[in-house]
Each structure stands twice: as structure tokens, then as C-alpha cells.
N, C-alpha and C. Protein backbone atom coordinates (compact mmCIF):
# COMPACT_ATOMS: atom_id res chain seq x y z
N MET A 1 27.33 -6.44 -18.87
CA MET A 1 26.73 -7.46 -18.03
C MET A 1 25.75 -8.27 -18.88
N GLU A 2 25.90 -9.57 -18.86
CA GLU A 2 25.08 -10.43 -19.68
C GLU A 2 23.71 -10.63 -19.05
N GLU A 3 22.73 -10.80 -19.92
CA GLU A 3 21.37 -11.11 -19.48
C GLU A 3 21.35 -12.55 -19.00
N PRO A 4 20.98 -12.80 -17.73
CA PRO A 4 20.98 -14.17 -17.23
C PRO A 4 19.89 -14.98 -17.92
N ASN A 5 20.16 -16.25 -18.07
CA ASN A 5 19.22 -17.15 -18.74
C ASN A 5 18.23 -17.67 -17.70
N LEU A 6 17.17 -16.92 -17.49
CA LEU A 6 16.14 -17.31 -16.52
C LEU A 6 15.00 -18.01 -17.25
N GLU A 7 14.63 -19.15 -16.76
CA GLU A 7 13.47 -19.83 -17.30
C GLU A 7 12.39 -19.81 -16.24
N ILE A 8 11.36 -19.00 -16.49
CA ILE A 8 10.27 -18.87 -15.54
C ILE A 8 9.07 -19.63 -16.07
N THR A 9 8.54 -20.50 -15.22
CA THR A 9 7.36 -21.27 -15.55
C THR A 9 6.25 -20.86 -14.60
N ILE A 10 5.11 -20.49 -15.15
CA ILE A 10 3.98 -20.13 -14.30
C ILE A 10 3.25 -21.42 -13.94
N VAL A 11 3.25 -21.72 -12.64
CA VAL A 11 2.64 -22.96 -12.13
C VAL A 11 1.13 -22.79 -12.03
N SER A 12 0.69 -21.68 -11.44
CA SER A 12 -0.75 -21.41 -11.36
C SER A 12 -1.00 -19.92 -11.52
N LYS A 13 -2.16 -19.62 -12.06
CA LYS A 13 -2.54 -18.24 -12.32
C LYS A 13 -4.01 -18.11 -11.97
N LYS A 14 -4.31 -17.19 -11.05
CA LYS A 14 -5.69 -17.05 -10.58
C LYS A 14 -6.06 -15.57 -10.54
N HIS A 15 -7.19 -15.23 -11.15
CA HIS A 15 -7.65 -13.83 -11.12
C HIS A 15 -8.50 -13.61 -9.87
N ASN A 16 -8.18 -12.57 -9.12
CA ASN A 16 -8.92 -12.22 -7.90
C ASN A 16 -9.67 -10.91 -8.17
N PRO A 17 -10.96 -10.98 -8.51
CA PRO A 17 -11.69 -9.76 -8.87
C PRO A 17 -11.92 -8.82 -7.69
N LEU A 18 -11.98 -9.36 -6.48
CA LEU A 18 -12.21 -8.53 -5.31
C LEU A 18 -11.04 -7.57 -5.08
N LEU A 19 -9.83 -8.07 -5.20
CA LEU A 19 -8.63 -7.25 -5.01
C LEU A 19 -8.10 -6.68 -6.33
N LYS A 20 -8.77 -6.98 -7.43
CA LYS A 20 -8.39 -6.49 -8.76
C LYS A 20 -6.93 -6.80 -9.08
N ARG A 21 -6.61 -8.09 -8.95
CA ARG A 21 -5.25 -8.53 -9.25
C ARG A 21 -5.25 -9.96 -9.75
N THR A 22 -4.14 -10.34 -10.37
CA THR A 22 -3.91 -11.71 -10.80
C THR A 22 -2.82 -12.28 -9.90
N GLU A 23 -3.12 -13.38 -9.23
CA GLU A 23 -2.17 -14.02 -8.31
C GLU A 23 -1.48 -15.15 -9.05
N VAL A 24 -0.15 -15.15 -9.00
CA VAL A 24 0.64 -16.09 -9.78
C VAL A 24 1.60 -16.84 -8.86
N VAL A 25 1.68 -18.15 -9.05
CA VAL A 25 2.73 -18.97 -8.41
C VAL A 25 3.65 -19.39 -9.55
N PHE A 26 4.95 -19.16 -9.38
CA PHE A 26 5.90 -19.41 -10.46
C PHE A 26 7.08 -20.23 -9.98
N GLU A 27 7.81 -20.75 -10.94
CA GLU A 27 9.02 -21.52 -10.67
C GLU A 27 10.12 -20.97 -11.57
N VAL A 28 11.29 -20.72 -11.00
CA VAL A 28 12.42 -20.16 -11.74
C VAL A 28 13.54 -21.18 -11.76
N ASP A 29 14.06 -21.46 -12.96
CA ASP A 29 15.22 -22.32 -13.09
C ASP A 29 16.42 -21.40 -13.30
N HIS A 30 17.29 -21.34 -12.31
CA HIS A 30 18.47 -20.46 -12.40
C HIS A 30 19.76 -21.27 -12.38
N SER A 31 19.75 -22.39 -13.11
CA SER A 31 20.93 -23.25 -13.14
C SER A 31 22.09 -22.59 -13.89
N GLY A 32 21.81 -21.68 -14.81
CA GLY A 32 22.87 -21.00 -15.54
C GLY A 32 23.61 -19.99 -14.68
N GLU A 33 22.93 -19.42 -13.70
CA GLU A 33 23.51 -18.39 -12.84
C GLU A 33 24.23 -18.97 -11.63
N GLY A 34 23.62 -19.94 -11.01
CA GLY A 34 24.22 -20.53 -9.82
C GLY A 34 23.72 -19.90 -8.53
N GLU A 35 22.97 -18.83 -8.62
CA GLU A 35 22.42 -18.19 -7.43
C GLU A 35 21.01 -17.72 -7.74
N THR A 36 20.25 -17.44 -6.70
CA THR A 36 18.89 -16.97 -6.89
C THR A 36 18.91 -15.63 -7.61
N SER A 37 18.04 -15.49 -8.56
CA SER A 37 18.00 -14.26 -9.37
C SER A 37 17.41 -13.11 -8.57
N PRO A 38 17.84 -11.89 -8.88
CA PRO A 38 17.29 -10.73 -8.21
C PRO A 38 15.79 -10.57 -8.49
N ARG A 39 15.10 -10.00 -7.53
CA ARG A 39 13.66 -9.80 -7.62
C ARG A 39 13.25 -9.00 -8.86
N LEU A 40 14.02 -7.98 -9.18
CA LEU A 40 13.66 -7.12 -10.31
C LEU A 40 13.69 -7.87 -11.63
N GLU A 41 14.67 -8.75 -11.80
CA GLU A 41 14.73 -9.55 -13.03
C GLU A 41 13.54 -10.48 -13.12
N ILE A 42 13.22 -11.12 -12.01
CA ILE A 42 12.07 -12.02 -11.97
C ILE A 42 10.79 -11.23 -12.25
N ARG A 43 10.69 -10.07 -11.64
CA ARG A 43 9.51 -9.21 -11.81
C ARG A 43 9.31 -8.85 -13.28
N ASN A 44 10.39 -8.46 -13.96
CA ASN A 44 10.30 -8.08 -15.37
C ASN A 44 9.89 -9.25 -16.25
N LYS A 45 10.45 -10.42 -15.97
CA LYS A 45 10.11 -11.62 -16.77
C LYS A 45 8.64 -12.01 -16.57
N ILE A 46 8.17 -11.94 -15.34
CA ILE A 46 6.77 -12.27 -15.07
C ILE A 46 5.85 -11.26 -15.75
N ALA A 47 6.22 -9.98 -15.71
CA ALA A 47 5.42 -8.95 -16.37
C ALA A 47 5.32 -9.23 -17.87
N ASN A 48 6.43 -9.66 -18.47
CA ASN A 48 6.39 -10.00 -19.89
C ASN A 48 5.47 -11.18 -20.17
N LYS A 49 5.53 -12.20 -19.31
CA LYS A 49 4.69 -13.38 -19.50
C LYS A 49 3.21 -13.05 -19.33
N LEU A 50 2.90 -12.16 -18.38
CA LEU A 50 1.50 -11.80 -18.12
C LEU A 50 1.03 -10.64 -19.01
N LYS A 51 1.94 -10.09 -19.80
CA LYS A 51 1.65 -8.94 -20.67
C LYS A 51 1.12 -7.77 -19.84
N ALA A 52 1.84 -7.49 -18.76
CA ALA A 52 1.49 -6.38 -17.87
C ALA A 52 2.70 -5.47 -17.72
N LYS A 53 2.45 -4.28 -17.19
CA LYS A 53 3.56 -3.36 -16.93
C LYS A 53 4.30 -3.85 -15.70
N SER A 54 5.63 -3.72 -15.71
CA SER A 54 6.43 -4.24 -14.60
C SER A 54 6.19 -3.48 -13.30
N ASN A 55 5.72 -2.21 -13.37
CA ASN A 55 5.45 -1.47 -12.14
C ASN A 55 4.15 -1.92 -11.46
N LEU A 56 3.37 -2.78 -12.13
CA LEU A 56 2.14 -3.31 -11.55
C LEU A 56 2.31 -4.74 -11.02
N VAL A 57 3.51 -5.30 -11.19
CA VAL A 57 3.80 -6.66 -10.72
C VAL A 57 4.66 -6.57 -9.46
N PHE A 58 4.24 -7.32 -8.44
CA PHE A 58 4.97 -7.33 -7.16
C PHE A 58 5.28 -8.77 -6.79
N VAL A 59 6.59 -9.08 -6.70
CA VAL A 59 7.02 -10.41 -6.29
C VAL A 59 6.94 -10.46 -4.77
N GLU A 60 6.07 -11.34 -4.27
CA GLU A 60 5.85 -11.41 -2.83
C GLU A 60 6.93 -12.23 -2.13
N LYS A 61 7.25 -13.39 -2.69
CA LYS A 61 8.32 -14.19 -2.10
C LYS A 61 8.97 -15.07 -3.15
N VAL A 62 10.24 -15.38 -2.90
CA VAL A 62 11.02 -16.28 -3.75
C VAL A 62 11.83 -17.16 -2.81
N GLU A 63 11.61 -18.46 -2.90
CA GLU A 63 12.32 -19.41 -2.04
C GLU A 63 13.01 -20.44 -2.91
N THR A 64 14.29 -20.64 -2.67
CA THR A 64 15.04 -21.65 -3.41
C THR A 64 14.82 -23.01 -2.76
N LYS A 65 14.50 -23.99 -3.58
CA LYS A 65 14.34 -25.35 -3.07
C LYS A 65 15.71 -25.88 -2.67
N THR A 66 15.80 -26.47 -1.51
CA THR A 66 17.06 -26.97 -0.99
C THR A 66 17.68 -28.00 -1.92
N GLY A 67 18.94 -27.81 -2.24
CA GLY A 67 19.68 -28.77 -3.04
C GLY A 67 19.40 -28.71 -4.53
N THR A 68 18.65 -27.73 -4.98
CA THR A 68 18.35 -27.63 -6.41
C THR A 68 18.69 -26.24 -6.92
N MET A 69 18.60 -26.06 -8.19
CA MET A 69 18.83 -24.76 -8.81
C MET A 69 17.51 -24.16 -9.28
N THR A 70 16.44 -24.43 -8.52
CA THR A 70 15.14 -23.86 -8.86
C THR A 70 14.57 -23.15 -7.64
N SER A 71 13.79 -22.13 -7.93
CA SER A 71 13.12 -21.37 -6.88
C SER A 71 11.64 -21.34 -7.16
N VAL A 72 10.85 -21.28 -6.10
CA VAL A 72 9.41 -21.17 -6.22
C VAL A 72 9.01 -19.87 -5.56
N GLY A 73 8.06 -19.17 -6.16
CA GLY A 73 7.66 -17.90 -5.59
C GLY A 73 6.24 -17.52 -5.93
N GLU A 74 5.82 -16.41 -5.35
CA GLU A 74 4.47 -15.87 -5.57
C GLU A 74 4.59 -14.42 -6.01
N ALA A 75 3.70 -14.03 -6.90
CA ALA A 75 3.67 -12.65 -7.37
C ALA A 75 2.23 -12.23 -7.59
N ASN A 76 2.00 -10.92 -7.53
CA ASN A 76 0.67 -10.35 -7.78
C ASN A 76 0.80 -9.30 -8.86
N ALA A 77 -0.09 -9.36 -9.86
CA ALA A 77 -0.13 -8.36 -10.92
C ALA A 77 -1.44 -7.59 -10.79
N TYR A 78 -1.34 -6.29 -10.55
CA TYR A 78 -2.51 -5.45 -10.31
C TYR A 78 -2.96 -4.77 -11.59
N GLU A 79 -4.23 -4.32 -11.59
CA GLU A 79 -4.79 -3.63 -12.75
C GLU A 79 -4.35 -2.17 -12.80
N THR A 80 -4.24 -1.53 -11.62
CA THR A 80 -3.85 -0.12 -11.56
C THR A 80 -2.81 0.09 -10.45
N PRO A 81 -1.98 1.12 -10.56
CA PRO A 81 -1.00 1.40 -9.50
C PRO A 81 -1.69 1.80 -8.18
N GLU A 82 -2.83 2.48 -8.28
CA GLU A 82 -3.57 2.89 -7.08
C GLU A 82 -4.03 1.66 -6.30
N GLN A 83 -4.53 0.66 -7.02
CA GLN A 83 -4.98 -0.56 -6.37
C GLN A 83 -3.81 -1.29 -5.71
N ALA A 84 -2.66 -1.28 -6.37
CA ALA A 84 -1.47 -1.92 -5.81
C ALA A 84 -1.07 -1.25 -4.50
N LYS A 85 -1.06 0.07 -4.47
CA LYS A 85 -0.70 0.80 -3.25
C LYS A 85 -1.71 0.57 -2.14
N LEU A 86 -2.97 0.41 -2.52
CA LEU A 86 -4.03 0.21 -1.54
C LEU A 86 -3.95 -1.18 -0.90
N VAL A 87 -3.65 -2.19 -1.70
CA VAL A 87 -3.71 -3.58 -1.22
C VAL A 87 -2.36 -4.11 -0.74
N GLU A 88 -1.32 -3.85 -1.51
CA GLU A 88 -0.02 -4.47 -1.22
C GLU A 88 0.62 -3.86 0.02
N ARG A 89 1.28 -4.70 0.80
CA ARG A 89 1.95 -4.24 2.02
C ARG A 89 3.17 -3.39 1.69
N GLU A 90 3.49 -2.45 2.58
CA GLU A 90 4.56 -1.48 2.32
C GLU A 90 5.92 -2.14 2.13
N HIS A 91 6.24 -3.14 2.94
CA HIS A 91 7.56 -3.76 2.81
C HIS A 91 7.71 -4.53 1.50
N ILE A 92 6.61 -5.05 0.97
CA ILE A 92 6.67 -5.73 -0.33
C ILE A 92 6.89 -4.70 -1.44
N ILE A 93 6.24 -3.55 -1.33
CA ILE A 93 6.43 -2.48 -2.31
C ILE A 93 7.89 -2.02 -2.28
N ALA A 94 8.45 -1.87 -1.07
CA ALA A 94 9.84 -1.43 -0.93
C ALA A 94 10.81 -2.46 -1.51
N ARG A 95 10.54 -3.73 -1.32
CA ARG A 95 11.42 -4.78 -1.85
C ARG A 95 11.42 -4.79 -3.38
N ASN A 96 10.29 -4.44 -3.97
CA ASN A 96 10.16 -4.48 -5.42
C ASN A 96 10.53 -3.17 -6.09
N ALA A 97 10.93 -2.18 -5.32
CA ALA A 97 11.32 -0.89 -5.87
C ALA A 97 12.68 -1.02 -6.55
N PRO A 98 12.89 -0.31 -7.65
CA PRO A 98 14.21 -0.36 -8.29
C PRO A 98 15.27 0.22 -7.38
N PRO A 99 16.52 -0.21 -7.53
CA PRO A 99 17.58 0.30 -6.65
C PRO A 99 17.74 1.81 -6.82
N GLU A 100 18.24 2.45 -5.75
CA GLU A 100 18.43 3.90 -5.77
C GLU A 100 19.56 4.29 -6.70
N LYS A 101 19.70 5.59 -6.91
CA LYS A 101 20.75 6.11 -7.80
C LYS A 101 22.12 5.75 -7.23
N PRO A 102 23.15 5.78 -8.06
CA PRO A 102 24.49 5.46 -7.58
C PRO A 102 24.90 6.33 -6.41
N ALA A 103 25.78 5.82 -5.60
CA ALA A 103 26.20 6.49 -4.37
C ALA A 103 26.89 7.82 -4.65
N GLU A 104 27.57 7.94 -5.79
CA GLU A 104 28.28 9.18 -6.11
C GLU A 104 27.31 10.36 -6.18
N GLU A 105 26.16 10.17 -6.81
CA GLU A 105 25.19 11.25 -6.94
C GLU A 105 24.58 11.59 -5.58
N ALA A 106 24.40 10.61 -4.75
CA ALA A 106 23.81 10.85 -3.43
C ALA A 106 24.78 11.60 -2.52
N GLU A 107 26.09 11.41 -2.73
CA GLU A 107 27.09 12.05 -1.87
C GLU A 107 27.27 13.54 -2.19
N LYS A 108 27.04 13.95 -3.41
CA LYS A 108 27.27 15.34 -3.81
C LYS A 108 26.50 16.34 -2.96
N PRO A 109 25.19 16.17 -2.73
CA PRO A 109 24.49 17.14 -1.88
C PRO A 109 25.03 17.17 -0.46
N LYS A 110 25.48 16.05 0.04
CA LYS A 110 26.01 16.00 1.41
C LYS A 110 27.24 16.87 1.55
N THR A 111 28.11 16.86 0.54
CA THR A 111 29.32 17.67 0.63
C THR A 111 28.99 19.15 0.59
N LYS A 112 27.99 19.54 -0.18
CA LYS A 112 27.58 20.93 -0.22
C LYS A 112 27.04 21.37 1.14
N GLU A 113 26.24 20.50 1.76
CA GLU A 113 25.69 20.82 3.08
C GLU A 113 26.81 20.94 4.10
N ALA A 114 27.79 20.07 4.00
CA ALA A 114 28.91 20.10 4.94
C ALA A 114 29.68 21.40 4.82
N GLU A 115 29.85 21.88 3.58
CA GLU A 115 30.56 23.13 3.38
C GLU A 115 29.78 24.30 3.96
N GLU A 116 28.47 24.28 3.80
CA GLU A 116 27.63 25.37 4.31
C GLU A 116 27.59 25.37 5.83
N LYS A 117 27.69 24.24 6.45
CA LYS A 117 27.57 24.13 7.90
C LYS A 117 28.86 24.43 8.65
N LYS A 118 29.98 24.58 7.94
CA LYS A 118 31.25 24.86 8.61
C LYS A 118 31.18 26.23 9.28
N PRO A 119 31.36 26.31 10.59
CA PRO A 119 31.28 27.61 11.26
C PRO A 119 32.53 28.44 10.99
N THR A 120 32.34 29.74 10.96
CA THR A 120 33.48 30.65 10.78
C THR A 120 34.17 30.83 12.12
N GLU A 121 35.32 31.51 12.11
CA GLU A 121 36.07 31.71 13.36
C GLU A 121 35.27 32.57 14.35
N GLU A 122 34.52 33.54 13.83
CA GLU A 122 33.70 34.40 14.70
C GLU A 122 32.63 33.58 15.42
N GLU A 123 31.99 32.68 14.68
CA GLU A 123 30.96 31.83 15.28
C GLU A 123 31.57 30.93 16.34
N LYS A 124 32.76 30.44 16.08
CA LYS A 124 33.43 29.58 17.06
C LYS A 124 33.70 30.36 18.35
N LEU A 125 34.15 31.62 18.23
CA LEU A 125 34.42 32.44 19.41
C LEU A 125 33.13 32.73 20.18
N LYS A 126 32.04 32.99 19.48
CA LYS A 126 30.75 33.24 20.13
C LYS A 126 30.30 32.02 20.92
N GLU A 127 30.52 30.85 20.35
CA GLU A 127 30.14 29.61 21.03
C GLU A 127 31.00 29.38 22.27
N GLU A 128 32.25 29.77 22.23
CA GLU A 128 33.15 29.54 23.36
C GLU A 128 32.84 30.46 24.53
N LYS A 129 32.40 31.69 24.30
CA LYS A 129 32.13 32.65 25.38
C LYS A 129 31.08 32.14 26.36
N PRO A 130 29.93 31.68 25.91
CA PRO A 130 28.96 31.17 26.88
C PRO A 130 29.49 29.98 27.67
N LYS A 131 30.32 29.20 27.08
CA LYS A 131 30.89 28.05 27.78
C LYS A 131 31.75 28.50 28.95
N THR A 132 32.52 29.56 28.76
CA THR A 132 33.39 30.05 29.84
C THR A 132 32.54 30.63 30.97
N GLU A 133 31.41 31.29 30.64
CA GLU A 133 30.52 31.83 31.67
C GLU A 133 29.90 30.70 32.48
N GLU A 134 29.51 29.64 31.80
CA GLU A 134 28.93 28.49 32.48
C GLU A 134 29.93 27.86 33.44
N THR A 135 31.17 27.77 33.00
CA THR A 135 32.18 27.16 33.87
C THR A 135 32.43 28.02 35.09
N LYS A 136 32.35 29.36 34.97
CA LYS A 136 32.52 30.24 36.13
C LYS A 136 31.41 29.99 37.14
N GLU A 137 30.17 29.87 36.65
CA GLU A 137 29.04 29.63 37.54
C GLU A 137 29.20 28.30 38.27
N THR A 138 29.60 27.30 37.57
CA THR A 138 29.75 25.99 38.20
C THR A 138 30.89 26.01 39.21
N LYS A 139 31.94 26.79 38.96
CA LYS A 139 33.04 26.89 39.91
C LYS A 139 32.57 27.59 41.18
N GLU A 140 31.74 28.65 41.01
CA GLU A 140 31.22 29.36 42.17
C GLU A 140 30.32 28.45 43.02
N GLU A 141 29.48 27.68 42.35
CA GLU A 141 28.60 26.76 43.07
C GLU A 141 29.42 25.71 43.80
N ALA A 142 30.48 25.27 43.17
CA ALA A 142 31.31 24.24 43.78
C ALA A 142 32.04 24.79 45.00
N SER A 143 32.38 26.08 44.98
CA SER A 143 33.13 26.66 46.10
C SER A 143 32.22 26.95 47.31
N LYS A 144 30.90 27.04 47.13
CA LYS A 144 29.99 27.28 48.24
C LYS A 144 29.98 26.05 49.15
N PRO A 145 29.92 26.29 50.45
CA PRO A 145 29.88 25.13 51.34
C PRO A 145 28.51 24.45 51.26
N LYS A 146 28.55 23.15 51.23
CA LYS A 146 27.32 22.37 51.14
C LYS A 146 26.94 21.90 52.54
N PRO A 147 25.65 21.95 52.86
CA PRO A 147 25.24 21.46 54.19
C PRO A 147 25.47 19.96 54.28
N GLU A 148 25.85 19.56 55.44
CA GLU A 148 26.13 18.13 55.64
C GLU A 148 24.82 17.36 55.70
N LYS A 149 24.93 16.06 55.51
CA LYS A 149 23.75 15.21 55.50
C LYS A 149 23.04 15.25 56.85
N ASP A 150 23.81 15.29 57.94
CA ASP A 150 23.20 15.28 59.27
C ASP A 150 22.29 16.49 59.46
N THR A 151 22.74 17.65 59.03
CA THR A 151 21.92 18.86 59.20
C THR A 151 20.69 18.81 58.31
N ARG A 152 20.80 18.23 57.14
CA ARG A 152 19.64 18.08 56.24
C ARG A 152 18.59 17.18 56.89
N GLU A 153 19.06 16.07 57.43
CA GLU A 153 18.14 15.13 58.07
C GLU A 153 17.45 15.78 59.25
N LYS A 154 18.17 16.59 60.04
CA LYS A 154 17.59 17.27 61.19
C LYS A 154 16.53 18.27 60.74
N GLU A 155 16.82 19.00 59.65
CA GLU A 155 15.87 19.98 59.13
C GLU A 155 14.59 19.28 58.66
N GLU A 156 14.72 18.15 57.99
CA GLU A 156 13.56 17.41 57.51
C GLU A 156 12.72 16.89 58.67
N LYS A 157 13.34 16.40 59.72
CA LYS A 157 12.61 15.92 60.88
C LYS A 157 11.86 17.05 61.54
N ASN A 158 12.49 18.21 61.65
CA ASN A 158 11.83 19.37 62.25
C ASN A 158 10.61 19.80 61.46
N LYS A 159 10.70 19.74 60.16
CA LYS A 159 9.57 20.10 59.29
C LYS A 159 8.42 19.12 59.48
N GLU A 160 8.73 17.83 59.58
CA GLU A 160 7.71 16.80 59.75
C GLU A 160 7.01 16.95 61.10
N GLU A 161 7.76 17.28 62.14
CA GLU A 161 7.19 17.42 63.48
C GLU A 161 6.38 18.72 63.60
N GLY A 162 6.80 19.75 62.92
CA GLY A 162 6.22 21.08 63.08
C GLY A 162 5.06 21.33 62.23
């Protein structure tokens, strides 16, 4: 996979001492790619330009200008990871997280769990026995005569009067 030719220009750079971060507005020219670049690539390029570690840079937003091959965005570069976790919103942290491991590795534990959870024939028989007892009880209840609505209403009236 080729490295895309991203040209990132920092439009403004402002240090915020209260939040211990550098706030950056940037512009990305992605005319070579034809589509908006992924956040992680932009994040790494901005980290290189600011001479910061990429895990301390969080791209807040990237918006493509209509009809052009340029995007404008905002990013924050923090001094420490603790400060980033304290200040930055959770969904922004999640968006800037590297992608998870390939799906093949994630599926392996699931198959092991599935094998362990398969019930044996004895367990299946044990599960079926209580079900048959329940059905017998429900059949007995169904065979009992139910009082009619008229008699219920009469009983309720008698209780209210008495």
C-alpha cells in the first residue's frame, strides 16, 4: 500500500496553558487520493509537524470543502496522556484510536467458547425433564374448570357489600 501524498498546512497554532495543549487548525490537500484521508494518517502527519508523539494528538474534526479536494480540520496536541484523558471527550478519543486487530484473531476465542458451551447429551436430557413436568402441570391447570365471569362478578359484588 502506497503512502498517500498528503500536504498538511497548519493554518493557526495556539498554545492553551490552562488545558495544557496546543490547538491547531489545519488544511489538508488530498488531490492525489481523491477522497478524504483517514484520521490516523492526518494525526501522524500533524504529530510530525508539531514534533509531538502521535498518541498525544487528537483530530477533533475534518471537513471537506464542497467541490474541492481540500479539507479543513481542528486538532489538539496535549503535553501528557493523562491530561488528554482528563480534557478530551470520550468519543473523540475513540475516533482517534488505532483500528482493532484483524477479525481472524478476534474470532479464535469465540470458537473456543462455542466449543466449551456445547451441552452434552446428558445435559440435554436433564434440560428436557423439567420441561415435561411443566407441561404436565399446565395441562392439569387447563383441565380444571374455570369459574365463569358471571360468578366472579357476583362474588366481587358480595365482597363489596359485605
